[in-house]
C-alpha atoms as a PDB file:
ATOM      1  CA  MET A   1     110.760 178.020 196.458  1.00  0.00           C
ATOM      2  CA  LYS A   2     109.506 181.549 197.052  1.00  0.00           C
ATOM      3  CA  LYS A   3     106.163 182.274 198.717  1.00  0.00           C
ATOM      4  CA  LEU A   4     102.994 183.566 197.066  1.00  0.00           C
ATOM      5  CA  LEU A   5     100.961 185.992 199.149  1.00  0.00           C
ATOM      6  CA  ALA A   6      97.484 186.893 197.905  1.00  0.00           C
ATOM      7  CA  ILE A   7      95.532 189.675 199.598  1.00  0.00           C
ATOM      8  CA  GLY A   8      91.869 190.600 199.313  1.00  0.00           C
ATOM      9  CA  GLU A   9      88.416 189.102 199.388  1.00  0.00           C
ATOM     10  CA  ALA A  10      87.443 185.559 200.225  1.00  0.00           C
ATOM     11  CA  LEU A  11      83.722 184.922 199.913  1.00  0.00           C
ATOM     12  CA  ILE A  12      80.971 182.430 199.251  1.00  0.00           C
ATOM     13  CA  ASP A  13      79.892 182.004 195.633  1.00  0.00           C
ATOM     14  CA  PHE A  14      76.384 180.593 195.274  1.00  0.00           C
ATOM     15  CA  ILE A  15      76.490 178.740 191.942  1.00  0.00           C
ATOM     16  CA  PRO A  16      73.087 178.182 190.267  1.00  0.00           C
ATOM     17  CA  ALA A  17      71.647 174.775 189.552  1.00  0.00           C
ATOM     18  CA  GLN A  18      70.084 176.177 186.344  1.00  0.00           C
ATOM     19  CA  ARG A  19      72.016 177.912 183.598  1.00  0.00           C
ATOM     20  CA  ASP A  20      71.100 180.329 180.819  1.00  0.00           C
ATOM     21  CA  CYS A  21      68.485 182.156 182.874  1.00  0.00           C
ATOM     22  CA  LEU A  22      68.275 185.387 184.851  1.00  0.00           C
ATOM     23  CA  LEU A  23      69.452 185.396 188.451  1.00  0.00           C
ATOM     24  CA  LYS A  24      65.909 186.066 189.664  1.00  0.00           C
ATOM     25  CA  GLU A  25      64.797 182.873 187.915  1.00  0.00           C
ATOM     26  CA  VAL A  26      67.342 180.595 189.617  1.00  0.00           C
ATOM     27  CA  GLU A  27      65.665 178.324 192.191  1.00  0.00           C
ATOM     28  CA  GLN A  28      68.630 176.425 193.665  1.00  0.00           C
ATOM     29  CA  PHE A  29      72.271 177.233 194.366  1.00  0.00           C
ATOM     30  CA  THR A  30      75.351 175.320 195.471  1.00  0.00           C
ATOM     31  CA  ARG A  31      77.703 176.950 197.999  1.00  0.00           C
ATOM     32  CA  VAL A  32      81.376 177.144 197.023  1.00  0.00           C
ATOM     33  CA  CYS A  33      84.396 179.047 198.315  1.00  0.00           C
ATOM     34  CA  GLY A  34      85.378 181.947 196.064  1.00  0.00           C
ATOM     35  CA  GLY A  35      86.949 185.377 195.758  1.00  0.00           C
ATOM     36  CA  ALA A  36      89.667 185.970 193.160  1.00  0.00           C
ATOM     37  CA  PRO A  37      92.652 186.280 195.548  1.00  0.00           C
ATOM     38  CA  ALA A  38      91.518 183.171 197.430  1.00  0.00           C
ATOM     39  CA  ASN A  39      91.181 181.293 194.137  1.00  0.00           C
ATOM     40  CA  VAL A  40      94.673 182.303 192.992  1.00  0.00           C
ATOM     41  CA  ALA A  41      96.164 181.245 196.318  1.00  0.00           C
ATOM     42  CA  ALA A  42      94.344 177.894 196.115  1.00  0.00           C
ATOM     43  CA  ALA A  43      95.440 177.187 192.533  1.00  0.00           C
ATOM     44  CA  ALA A  44      99.086 177.789 193.426  1.00  0.00           C
ATOM     45  CA  ALA A  45      98.782 175.701 196.601  1.00  0.00           C
ATOM     46  CA  LYS A  46      97.129 172.773 194.825  1.00  0.00           C
ATOM     47  CA  LEU A  47     100.027 172.746 192.397  1.00  0.00           C
ATOM     48  CA  GLY A  48     102.404 172.423 195.340  1.00  0.00           C
ATOM     49  CA  GLY A  49     103.301 176.051 195.918  1.00  0.00           C
ATOM     50  CA  ASP A  50     103.894 177.848 199.228  1.00  0.00           C
ATOM     51  CA  SER A  51     100.754 179.965 199.214  1.00  0.00           C
ATOM     52  CA  SER A  52      99.051 182.202 201.804  1.00  0.00           C
ATOM     53  CA  LEU A  53      95.965 184.421 201.853  1.00  0.00           C
ATOM     54  CA  ILE A  54      95.701 187.705 203.737  1.00  0.00           C
ATOM     55  CA  SER A  55      92.033 188.475 204.320  1.00  0.00           C
ATOM     56  CA  GLN A  56      89.345 188.825 206.953  1.00  0.00           C
ATOM     57  CA  LEU A  57      86.191 186.778 207.480  1.00  0.00           C
ATOM     58  CA  GLY A  58      83.241 187.017 209.797  1.00  0.00           C
ATOM     59  CA  ARG A  59      82.981 184.790 212.837  1.00  0.00           C
ATOM     60  CA  ASP A  60      80.247 182.802 211.117  1.00  0.00           C
ATOM     61  CA  ALA A  61      79.678 179.438 209.505  1.00  0.00           C
ATOM     62  CA  PHE A  62      80.524 180.759 206.035  1.00  0.00           C
ATOM     63  CA  GLY A  63      83.868 182.014 207.326  1.00  0.00           C
ATOM     64  CA  ASP A  64      84.562 178.625 208.909  1.00  0.00           C
ATOM     65  CA  TYR A  65      83.758 176.911 205.610  1.00  0.00           C
ATOM     66  CA  ILE A  66      86.139 179.181 203.663  1.00  0.00           C
ATOM     67  CA  VAL A  67      89.009 178.579 206.092  1.00  0.00           C
ATOM     68  CA  ASP A  68      88.436 174.817 205.940  1.00  0.00           C
ATOM     69  CA  THR A  69      88.249 174.814 202.129  1.00  0.00           C
ATOM     70  CA  LEU A  70      91.431 176.829 201.708  1.00  0.00           C
ATOM     71  CA  ALA A  71      93.289 174.744 204.271  1.00  0.00           C
ATOM     72  CA  ASP A  72      92.200 171.545 202.490  1.00  0.00           C
ATOM     73  CA  ALA A  73      93.621 173.029 199.255  1.00  0.00           C
ATOM     74  CA  GLY A  74      96.963 173.581 200.980  1.00  0.00           C
ATOM     75  CA  VAL A  75      96.719 177.339 201.529  1.00  0.00           C
ATOM     76  CA  ASP A  76      98.296 178.779 204.676  1.00  0.00           C
ATOM     77  CA  THR A  77      95.280 180.320 206.452  1.00  0.00           C
ATOM     78  CA  SER A  78      97.159 181.739 209.448  1.00  0.00           C
ATOM     79  CA  LYS A  79      96.978 185.237 207.949  1.00  0.00           C
ATOM     80  CA  ILE A  80      93.163 185.216 207.700  1.00  0.00           C
ATOM     81  CA  CYS A  81      91.718 187.383 210.466  1.00  0.00           C
ATOM     82  CA  ARG A  82      88.232 186.972 211.944  1.00  0.00           C
ATOM     83  CA  THR A  83      85.835 189.687 213.161  1.00  0.00           C
ATOM     84  CA  ASP A  84      82.413 190.144 214.773  1.00  0.00           C
ATOM     85  CA  ARG A  85      81.921 193.544 213.117  1.00  0.00           C
ATOM     86  CA  ALA A  86      80.582 192.181 209.819  1.00  0.00           C
ATOM     87  CA  ASN A  87      79.675 188.923 208.134  1.00  0.00           C
ATOM     88  CA  THR A  88      81.540 186.986 205.469  1.00  0.00           C
ATOM     89  CA  ALA A  89      80.836 188.271 201.942  1.00  0.00           C
ATOM     90  CA  LEU A  90      78.394 186.443 199.643  1.00  0.00           C
ATOM     91  CA  ALA A  91      78.017 186.489 195.856  1.00  0.00           C
ATOM     92  CA  PHE A  92      75.145 184.966 193.913  1.00  0.00           C
ATOM     93  CA  VAL A  93      76.027 183.907 190.370  1.00  0.00           C
ATOM     94  CA  SER A  94      73.968 183.264 187.248  1.00  0.00           C
ATOM     95  CA  LEU A  95      75.478 181.230 184.395  1.00  0.00           C
ATOM     96  CA  LYS A  96      74.856 181.879 180.721  1.00  0.00           C
ATOM     97  CA  ALA A  97      74.713 179.060 178.194  1.00  0.00           C
ATOM     98  CA  ASP A  98      78.399 179.592 177.277  1.00  0.00           C
ATOM     99  CA  GLY A  99      79.477 179.313 180.924  1.00  0.00           C
ATOM    100  CA  ASN A 100      80.008 183.041 181.490  1.00  0.00           C
ATOM    101  CA  ARG A 101      78.595 184.713 184.590  1.00  0.00           C
ATOM    102  CA  ASP A 102      76.704 187.599 186.167  1.00  0.00           C
ATOM    103  CA  PHE A 103      77.065 188.472 189.855  1.00  0.00           C
ATOM    104  CA  SER A 104      75.008 189.933 192.690  1.00  0.00           C
ATOM    105  CA  PHE A 105      77.112 190.780 195.775  1.00  0.00           C
ATOM    106  CA  TYR A 106      76.095 190.957 199.453  1.00  0.00           C
ATOM    107  CA  ARG A 107      78.900 193.064 200.888  1.00  0.00           C
ATOM    108  CA  LYS A 108      77.635 196.223 202.682  1.00  0.00           C
ATOM    109  CA  PRO A 109      80.041 195.947 204.407  1.00  0.00           C
ATOM    110  CA  SER A 110      81.561 192.498 204.601  1.00  0.00           C
ATOM    111  CA  ALA A 111      84.290 191.397 206.973  1.00  0.00           C
ATOM    112  CA  ASP A 112      87.075 191.594 204.377  1.00  0.00           C
ATOM    113  CA  MET A 113      86.360 195.273 203.710  1.00  0.00           C
ATOM    114  CA  LEU A 114      87.175 196.106 207.348  1.00  0.00           C
ATOM    115  CA  LEU A 115      90.700 194.661 207.367  1.00  0.00           C
ATOM    116  CA  GLU A 116      92.953 197.416 208.766  1.00  0.00           C
ATOM    117  CA  PRO A 117      96.591 198.174 207.802  1.00  0.00           C
ATOM    118  CA  GLU A 118      97.671 197.686 211.419  1.00  0.00           C
ATOM    119  CA  GLN A 119      96.572 194.045 211.251  1.00  0.00           C
ATOM    120  CA  LEU A 120      99.387 193.235 208.810  1.00  0.00           C
ATOM    121  CA  GLU A 121     102.603 191.805 210.256  1.00  0.00           C
ATOM    122  CA  GLU A 122     105.883 192.521 208.499  1.00  0.00           C
ATOM    123  CA  ALA A 123     107.082 188.972 209.191  1.00  0.00           C
ATOM    124  CA  TRP A 124     104.386 187.714 206.819  1.00  0.00           C
ATOM    125  CA  PHE A 125     106.345 189.150 203.887  1.00  0.00           C
ATOM    126  CA  ALA A 126     109.640 187.353 204.512  1.00  0.00           C
ATOM    127  CA  ASN A 127     110.691 185.123 201.566  1.00  0.00           C
ATOM    128  CA  THR A 128     107.766 186.406 199.499  1.00  0.00           C
ATOM    129  CA  GLY A 129     108.278 186.024 195.778  1.00  0.00           C
ATOM    130  CA  VAL A 130     104.933 187.472 194.666  1.00  0.00           C
ATOM    131  CA  LEU A 131     102.189 189.598 196.234  1.00  0.00           C
ATOM    132  CA  HIS A 132      98.961 189.294 194.253  1.00  0.00           C
ATOM    133  CA  PHE A 133      95.839 191.486 194.510  1.00  0.00           C
ATOM    134  CA  GLY A 134      92.755 192.572 192.568  1.00  0.00           C
ATOM    135  CA  SER A 135      90.511 195.613 192.307  1.00  0.00           C
ATOM    136  CA  VAL A 136      87.508 194.303 194.279  1.00  0.00           C
ATOM    137  CA  SER A 137      89.195 195.378 197.517  1.00  0.00           C
ATOM    138  CA  LEU A 138      90.291 198.800 196.241  1.00  0.00           C
ATOM    139  CA  ILE A 139      86.946 200.410 197.054  1.00  0.00           C
ATOM    140  CA  ASP A 140      86.685 203.178 199.676  1.00  0.00           C
ATOM    141  CA  ALA A 141      87.078 200.960 202.736  1.00  0.00           C
ATOM    142  CA  PRO A 142      89.855 200.176 205.235  1.00  0.00           C
ATOM    143  CA  ILE A 143      91.076 197.265 203.118  1.00  0.00           C
ATOM    144  CA  GLN A 144      92.199 199.675 200.386  1.00  0.00           C
ATOM    145  CA  LYS A 145      94.709 201.256 202.775  1.00  0.00           C
ATOM    146  CA  THR A 146      95.702 197.757 203.874  1.00  0.00           C
ATOM    147  CA  HIS A 147      96.562 196.963 200.264  1.00  0.00           C
ATOM    148  CA  ARG A 148      98.776 200.033 200.081  1.00  0.00           C
ATOM    149  CA  ARG A 149     100.723 198.923 203.143  1.00  0.00           C
ATOM    150  CA  ALA A 150     100.956 195.337 201.872  1.00  0.00           C
ATOM    151  CA  ILE A 151     102.353 196.527 198.535  1.00  0.00           C
ATOM    152  CA  SER A 152     104.903 198.698 200.345  1.00  0.00           C
ATOM    153  CA  LEU A 153     106.011 195.796 202.562  1.00  0.00           C
ATOM    154  CA  ALA A 154     106.215 193.435 199.584  1.00  0.00           C
ATOM    155  CA  LYS A 155     108.421 195.851 197.671  1.00  0.00           C
ATOM    156  CA  GLU A 156     110.677 196.300 200.698  1.00  0.00           C
ATOM    157  CA  HIS A 157     111.213 192.542 200.658  1.00  0.00           C
ATOM    158  CA  GLY A 158     111.991 192.436 196.923  1.00  0.00           C
ATOM    159  CA  ALA A 159     108.765 190.735 195.898  1.00  0.00           C
ATOM    160  CA  ILE A 160     107.056 190.935 192.528  1.00  0.00           C
ATOM    161  CA  VAL A 161     103.685 192.715 192.696  1.00  0.00           C
ATOM    162  CA  SER A 162     100.906 191.131 190.611  1.00  0.00           C
ATOM    163  CA  PHE A 163      97.600 192.897 189.855  1.00  0.00           C
ATOM    164  CA  ASP A 164      94.444 191.487 188.269  1.00  0.00           C
ATOM    165  CA  PRO A 165      91.946 194.364 187.834  1.00  0.00           C
ATOM    166  CA  ASN A 166      89.147 191.748 187.708  1.00  0.00           C
ATOM    167  CA  ILE A 167      86.491 194.393 187.049  1.00  0.00           C
ATOM    168  CA  ARG A 168      83.214 194.001 188.995  1.00  0.00           C
ATOM    169  CA  LEU A 169      81.282 197.199 188.260  1.00  0.00           C
ATOM    170  CA  PRO A 170      78.296 196.437 190.578  1.00  0.00           C
ATOM    171  CA  LEU A 171      80.669 197.060 193.509  1.00  0.00           C
ATOM    172  CA  TRP A 172      81.512 200.613 192.408  1.00  0.00           C
ATOM    173  CA  ASP A 173      79.622 203.915 192.496  1.00  0.00           C
ATOM    174  CA  SER A 174      80.394 204.448 188.808  1.00  0.00           C
ATOM    175  CA  PRO A 175      82.571 202.995 186.037  1.00  0.00           C
ATOM    176  CA  GLU A 176      84.678 206.152 186.154  1.00  0.00           C
ATOM    177  CA  THR A 177      85.469 205.639 189.850  1.00  0.00           C
ATOM    178  CA  CYS A 178      86.547 202.083 189.143  1.00  0.00           C
ATOM    179  CA  GLN A 179      88.766 203.123 186.224  1.00  0.00           C
ATOM    180  CA  ALA A 180      90.431 205.857 188.253  1.00  0.00           C
ATOM    181  CA  ARG A 181      91.198 203.533 191.152  1.00  0.00           C
ATOM    182  CA  VAL A 182      92.601 200.843 188.854  1.00  0.00           C
ATOM    183  CA  TRP A 183      94.920 203.388 187.245  1.00  0.00           C
ATOM    184  CA  GLU A 184      95.959 204.581 190.685  1.00  0.00           C
ATOM    185  CA  PHE A 185      97.250 201.081 191.484  1.00  0.00           C
ATOM    186  CA  LEU A 186      98.592 200.008 188.074  1.00  0.00           C
ATOM    187  CA  PRO A 187     101.970 201.767 188.585  1.00  0.00           C
ATOM    188  CA  PHE A 188     102.606 199.495 191.602  1.00  0.00           C
ATOM    189  CA  ALA A 189     102.328 196.336 189.492  1.00  0.00           C
ATOM    190  CA  ASP A 190     105.152 194.365 187.896  1.00  0.00           C
ATOM    191  CA  ILE A 191     102.677 191.831 186.446  1.00  0.00           C
ATOM    192  CA  VAL A 192      99.214 192.765 185.170  1.00  0.00           C
ATOM    193  CA  LYS A 193      96.513 190.321 184.122  1.00  0.00           C
ATOM    194  CA  LEU A 194      93.839 191.506 181.710  1.00  0.00           C
ATOM    195  CA  SER A 195      91.016 189.716 179.941  1.00  0.00           C
ATOM    196  CA  ASP A 196      89.835 190.585 176.449  1.00  0.00           C
ATOM    197  CA  GLU A 197      86.572 191.815 178.008  1.00  0.00           C
ATOM    198  CA  GLU A 198      88.445 194.229 180.314  1.00  0.00           C
ATOM    199  CA  LEU A 199      91.124 195.498 177.928  1.00  0.00           C
ATOM    200  CA  GLU A 200      89.436 198.616 176.568  1.00  0.00           C
ATOM    201  CA  PHE A 201      87.791 199.522 179.874  1.00  0.00           C
ATOM    202  CA  VAL A 202      91.087 199.391 181.756  1.00  0.00           C
ATOM    203  CA  THR A 203      93.497 200.773 179.161  1.00  0.00           C
ATOM    204  CA  GLY A 204      91.353 202.799 176.760  1.00  0.00           C
ATOM    205  CA  GLU A 205      92.820 200.721 173.916  1.00  0.00           C
ATOM    206  CA  SER A 206      91.202 197.959 171.867  1.00  0.00           C
ATOM    207  CA  ASP A 207      94.497 196.436 170.710  1.00  0.00           C
ATOM    208  CA  ILE A 208      96.545 194.516 173.276  1.00  0.00           C
ATOM    209  CA  ARG A 209      99.892 195.504 171.785  1.00  0.00           C
ATOM    210  CA  THR A 210      99.059 199.201 171.893  1.00  0.00           C
ATOM    211  CA  ALA A 211      97.732 198.785 175.434  1.00  0.00           C
ATOM    212  CA  ALA A 212     100.879 196.884 176.403  1.00  0.00           C
ATOM    213  CA  GLN A 213     103.129 199.764 175.423  1.00  0.00           C
ATOM    214  CA  LYS A 214     101.072 202.063 177.634  1.00  0.00           C
ATOM    215  CA  LEU A 215     101.345 199.654 180.568  1.00  0.00           C
ATOM    216  CA  PHE A 216     105.076 199.052 180.037  1.00  0.00           C
ATOM    217  CA  ALA A 217     105.639 202.813 180.062  1.00  0.00           C
ATOM    218  CA  GLY A 218     104.003 202.858 183.506  1.00  0.00           C
ATOM    219  CA  GLY A 219     106.451 200.315 184.927  1.00  0.00           C
ATOM    220  CA  CYS A 220     104.727 196.973 184.272  1.00  0.00           C
ATOM    221  CA  GLN A 221     107.112 194.209 183.137  1.00  0.00           C
ATOM    222  CA  VAL A 222     104.752 191.344 182.267  1.00  0.00           C
ATOM    223  CA  ILE A 223     101.175 191.203 180.950  1.00  0.00           C
ATOM    224  CA  LEU A 224      99.071 188.043 181.033  1.00  0.00           C
ATOM    225  CA  TYR A 225      96.263 188.568 178.524  1.00  0.00           C
ATOM    226  CA  SER A 226      93.443 186.012 178.554  1.00  0.00           C
ATOM    227  CA  MET A 227      91.438 185.803 175.351  1.00  0.00           C
ATOM    228  CA  GLY A 228      88.501 183.576 176.288  1.00  0.00           C
ATOM    229  CA  LYS A 229      88.051 180.770 173.786  1.00  0.00           C
ATOM    230  CA  GLU A 230      91.216 181.818 171.937  1.00  0.00           C
ATOM    231  CA  GLY A 231      93.637 181.040 174.768  1.00  0.00           C
ATOM    232  CA  ALA A 232      96.091 183.525 176.238  1.00  0.00           C
ATOM    233  CA  MET A 233      99.091 185.702 175.499  1.00  0.00           C
ATOM    234  CA  LEU A 234     102.095 186.770 177.556  1.00  0.00           C
ATOM    235  CA  LEU A 235     103.767 190.065 176.728  1.00  0.00           C
ATOM    236  CA  THR A 236     106.957 191.665 178.040  1.00  0.00           C
ATOM    237  CA  PRO A 237     109.026 194.557 176.658  1.00  0.00           C
ATOM    238  CA  GLN A 238     111.259 191.872 175.106  1.00  0.00           C
ATOM    239  CA  GLY A 239     108.588 189.880 173.248  1.00  0.00           C
ATOM    240  CA  SER A 240     105.237 188.087 173.262  1.00  0.00           C
ATOM    241  CA  TRP A 241     104.054 184.473 173.354  1.00  0.00           C
ATOM    242  CA  THR A 242     100.658 182.878 172.724  1.00  0.00           C
ATOM    243  CA  LYS A 243      98.962 179.582 173.515  1.00  0.00           C
ATOM    244  CA  LYS A 244      95.614 178.417 172.178  1.00  0.00           C
ATOM    245  CA  ASN A 245      93.141 176.499 174.298  1.00  0.00           C
ATOM    246  CA  LEU A 246      92.597 172.809 174.067  1.00  0.00           C
ATOM    247  CA  GLU A 247      89.087 171.983 172.906  1.00  0.00           C
ATOM    248  CA  VAL A 248      87.281 170.887 176.057  1.00  0.00           C
ATOM    249  CA  THR A 249      83.651 170.721 177.111  1.00  0.00           C
ATOM    250  CA  VAL A 250      83.081 173.887 179.132  1.00  0.00           C
ATOM    251  CA  LYS A 251      80.943 173.356 182.208  1.00  0.00           C
ATOM    252  CA  ASP A 252      81.648 176.509 184.221  1.00  0.00           C
ATOM    253  CA  THR A 253      84.145 179.346 183.634  1.00  0.00           C
ATOM    254  CA  THR A 254      84.013 180.496 187.268  1.00  0.00           C
ATOM    255  CA  GLY A 255      87.590 180.893 188.461  1.00  0.00           C
ATOM    256  CA  ALA A 256      89.206 180.166 185.085  1.00  0.00           C
ATOM    257  CA  GLY A 257      91.023 183.499 185.025  1.00  0.00           C
ATOM    258  CA  ASP A 258      92.233 182.856 188.570  1.00  0.00           C
ATOM    259  CA  ALA A 259      93.377 179.366 187.536  1.00  0.00           C
ATOM    260  CA  ILE A 260      95.612 180.707 184.786  1.00  0.00           C
ATOM    261  CA  MET A 261      96.914 183.452 187.073  1.00  0.00           C
ATOM    262  CA  GLY A 262      97.557 181.071 189.962  1.00  0.00           C
ATOM    263  CA  ALA A 263      99.332 178.589 187.689  1.00  0.00           C
ATOM    264  CA  LEU A 264     101.601 181.270 186.223  1.00  0.00           C
ATOM    265  CA  LEU A 265     102.468 182.684 189.653  1.00  0.00           C
ATOM    266  CA  TYR A 266     103.160 179.156 190.868  1.00  0.00           C
ATOM    267  CA  CYS A 267     105.693 178.786 188.048  1.00  0.00           C
ATOM    268  CA  LEU A 268     107.386 182.051 189.048  1.00  0.00           C
ATOM    269  CA  THR A 269     107.605 181.206 192.744  1.00  0.00           C
ATOM    270  CA  ALA A 270     108.708 177.618 192.080  1.00  0.00           C
ATOM    271  CA  GLY A 271     111.437 179.058 189.871  1.00  0.00           C
ATOM    272  CA  ASP A 272     112.507 181.508 192.612  1.00  0.00           C
ATOM    273  CA  VAL A 273     111.828 184.464 190.308  1.00  0.00           C
ATOM    274  CA  THR A 274     111.960 187.823 192.106  1.00  0.00           C
ATOM    275  CA  LYS A 275     111.723 191.476 191.100  1.00  0.00           C
ATOM    276  CA  ASP A 276     115.495 191.503 190.547  1.00  0.00           C
ATOM    277  CA  ASN A 277     115.568 188.666 188.020  1.00  0.00           C
ATOM    278  CA  LEU A 278     112.107 188.915 186.442  1.00  0.00           C
ATOM    279  CA  ALA A 279     113.537 190.556 183.294  1.00  0.00           C
ATOM    280  CA  LYS A 280     116.011 187.663 182.908  1.00  0.00           C
ATOM    281  CA  VAL A 281     113.350 184.997 182.294  1.00  0.00           C
ATOM    282  CA  THR A 282     114.049 183.524 178.856  1.00  0.00           C
ATOM    283  CA  PRO A 283     111.576 183.440 175.938  1.00  0.00           C
ATOM    284  CA  ALA A 284     111.533 179.629 176.071  1.00  0.00           C
ATOM    285  CA  GLN A 285     110.670 179.727 179.763  1.00  0.00           C
ATOM    286  CA  TRP A 286     107.833 182.218 179.255  1.00  0.00           C
ATOM    287  CA  GLN A 287     106.373 180.006 176.517  1.00  0.00           C
ATOM    288  CA  ALA A 288     106.594 176.907 178.692  1.00  0.00           C
ATOM    289  CA  TRP A 289     104.991 178.640 181.666  1.00  0.00           C
ATOM    290  CA  LEU A 290     102.199 180.076 179.505  1.00  0.00           C
ATOM    291  CA  THR A 291     101.494 176.624 178.050  1.00  0.00           C
ATOM    292  CA  PHE A 292     101.330 175.197 181.571  1.00  0.00           C
ATOM    293  CA  ALA A 293      98.995 177.963 182.814  1.00  0.00           C
ATOM    294  CA  VAL A 294      96.617 177.771 179.841  1.00  0.00           C
ATOM    295  CA  ALA A 295      96.356 174.009 180.214  1.00  0.00           C
ATOM    296  CA  TYR A 296      95.583 174.407 183.910  1.00  0.00           C
ATOM    297  CA  ALA A 297      92.752 176.821 183.113  1.00  0.00           C
ATOM    298  CA  ASN A 298      91.496 174.437 180.404  1.00  0.00           C
ATOM    299  CA  TYR A 299      91.198 171.700 182.999  1.00  0.00           C
ATOM    300  CA  SER A 300      89.377 173.997 185.441  1.00  0.00           C
ATOM    301  CA  VAL A 301      86.495 174.894 183.112  1.00  0.00           C
ATOM    302  CA  THR A 302      85.530 171.229 182.765  1.00  0.00           C
ATOM    303  CA  GLY A 303      84.361 171.253 186.404  1.00  0.00           C
ATOM    304  CA  SER A 304      82.061 173.400 188.532  1.00  0.00           C
ATOM    305  CA  GLY A 305      83.044 176.263 190.766  1.00  0.00           C
ATOM    306  CA  ALA A 306      86.582 177.522 191.156  1.00  0.00           C
ATOM    307  CA  ILE A 307      88.712 175.842 193.832  1.00  0.00           C
ATOM    308  CA  ALA A 308      86.866 172.542 193.531  1.00  0.00           C
ATOM    309  CA  SER A 309      87.730 172.441 189.818  1.00  0.00           C
ATOM    310  CA  TYR A 310      91.470 173.022 190.333  1.00  0.00           C
ATOM    311  CA  PRO A 311      93.510 169.808 190.136  1.00  0.00           C
ATOM    312  CA  THR A 312      96.578 168.874 192.131  1.00  0.00           C
ATOM    313  CA  HIS A 313      99.886 168.817 190.277  1.00  0.00           C
ATOM    314  CA  ALA A 314      99.820 165.027 189.924  1.00  0.00           C
ATOM    315  CA  VAL A 315      96.232 164.889 188.628  1.00  0.00           C
ATOM    316  CA  PHE A 316      96.911 167.769 186.247  1.00  0.00           C
ATOM    317  CA  GLN A 317     100.085 166.259 184.806  1.00  0.00           C
ATOM    318  CA  ASP A 318      98.295 162.951 184.227  1.00  0.00           C
ATOM    319  CA  TRP A 319      95.502 164.787 182.396  1.00  0.00           C
ATOM    320  CA  VAL A 320      97.986 166.759 180.311  1.00  0.00           C
ATOM    321  CA  SER A 321      99.825 163.612 179.288  1.00  0.00           C
ATOM    322  CA  GLN A 322      96.555 162.126 178.052  1.00  0.00           C
ATOM    323  CA  HIS A 323      94.825 165.105 176.467  1.00  0.00           C
ATOM    324  CA  TYR A 324      97.063 168.095 175.842  1.00  0.00           C
ATOM    325  CA  GLU A 325      99.171 168.474 172.725  1.00  0.00           C
ATOM    326  CA  ASN A 326     102.065 170.936 172.993  1.00  0.00           C
END
């Protein structure tokens, strides 16, 4: 089995006790571990994958809690640095009636933003099948340069590079700055994840197939396109595959996109897929992996939070056997 390395933010999500109200109206919150790269690493680890997170946390109680939570999920936390220069990042969340979210971030700066390129060790990238990252850490901070070095090291070791733009506009000076930075990093990616809400913002296209051709021309080989209630689609230059969602009672969509991403990357690393053989994955295998990943995300939205809602492989397979029709 190849290793999954995720790099970027790990933070505390404060999930509201009330839903369908403005953030200013929320009176109580529950603390959970979050951050998209951390969530992806945890999903893959809970499924039994060899998963690590590269990040930086403050030397504070929130940082301790994140390390403990990730370790309990099976994530290798030895690559998480600690610092006294800034605190662990926080995000306060409000939930709409349909389970979708709004965010308010406390990150000016946070410890993860100060992770320096020199803190990376080349040995971390040995036997890496996939390096995964998002756009939250591509802001003008030291961690952006750290991402550049991590991508370079991953490519030197033959790893697949996976990118989830995961747009969070409140963290950027302007939408235009965010778009430009995303397009700066898209050419590095072999796999790109997009949601239906992000498609036009990221690509300038409203149709996924038209957008896919633009991304393939830039070097991308695989697109995971999540379509909310409609399920998801996988696209490669050789074809496309879709899977609809199971009808489940949605409690909280926090981390659902990371669940589907983590599950797909788990399948790739468990199958020892690398940059050299990514194009050789068969249509039947892509369909099977997409079905697996969509089902995993379906399970996750029935619980609260992100990592806490991700099942182990055994629990998930039992649930699938009872509830999921192929």
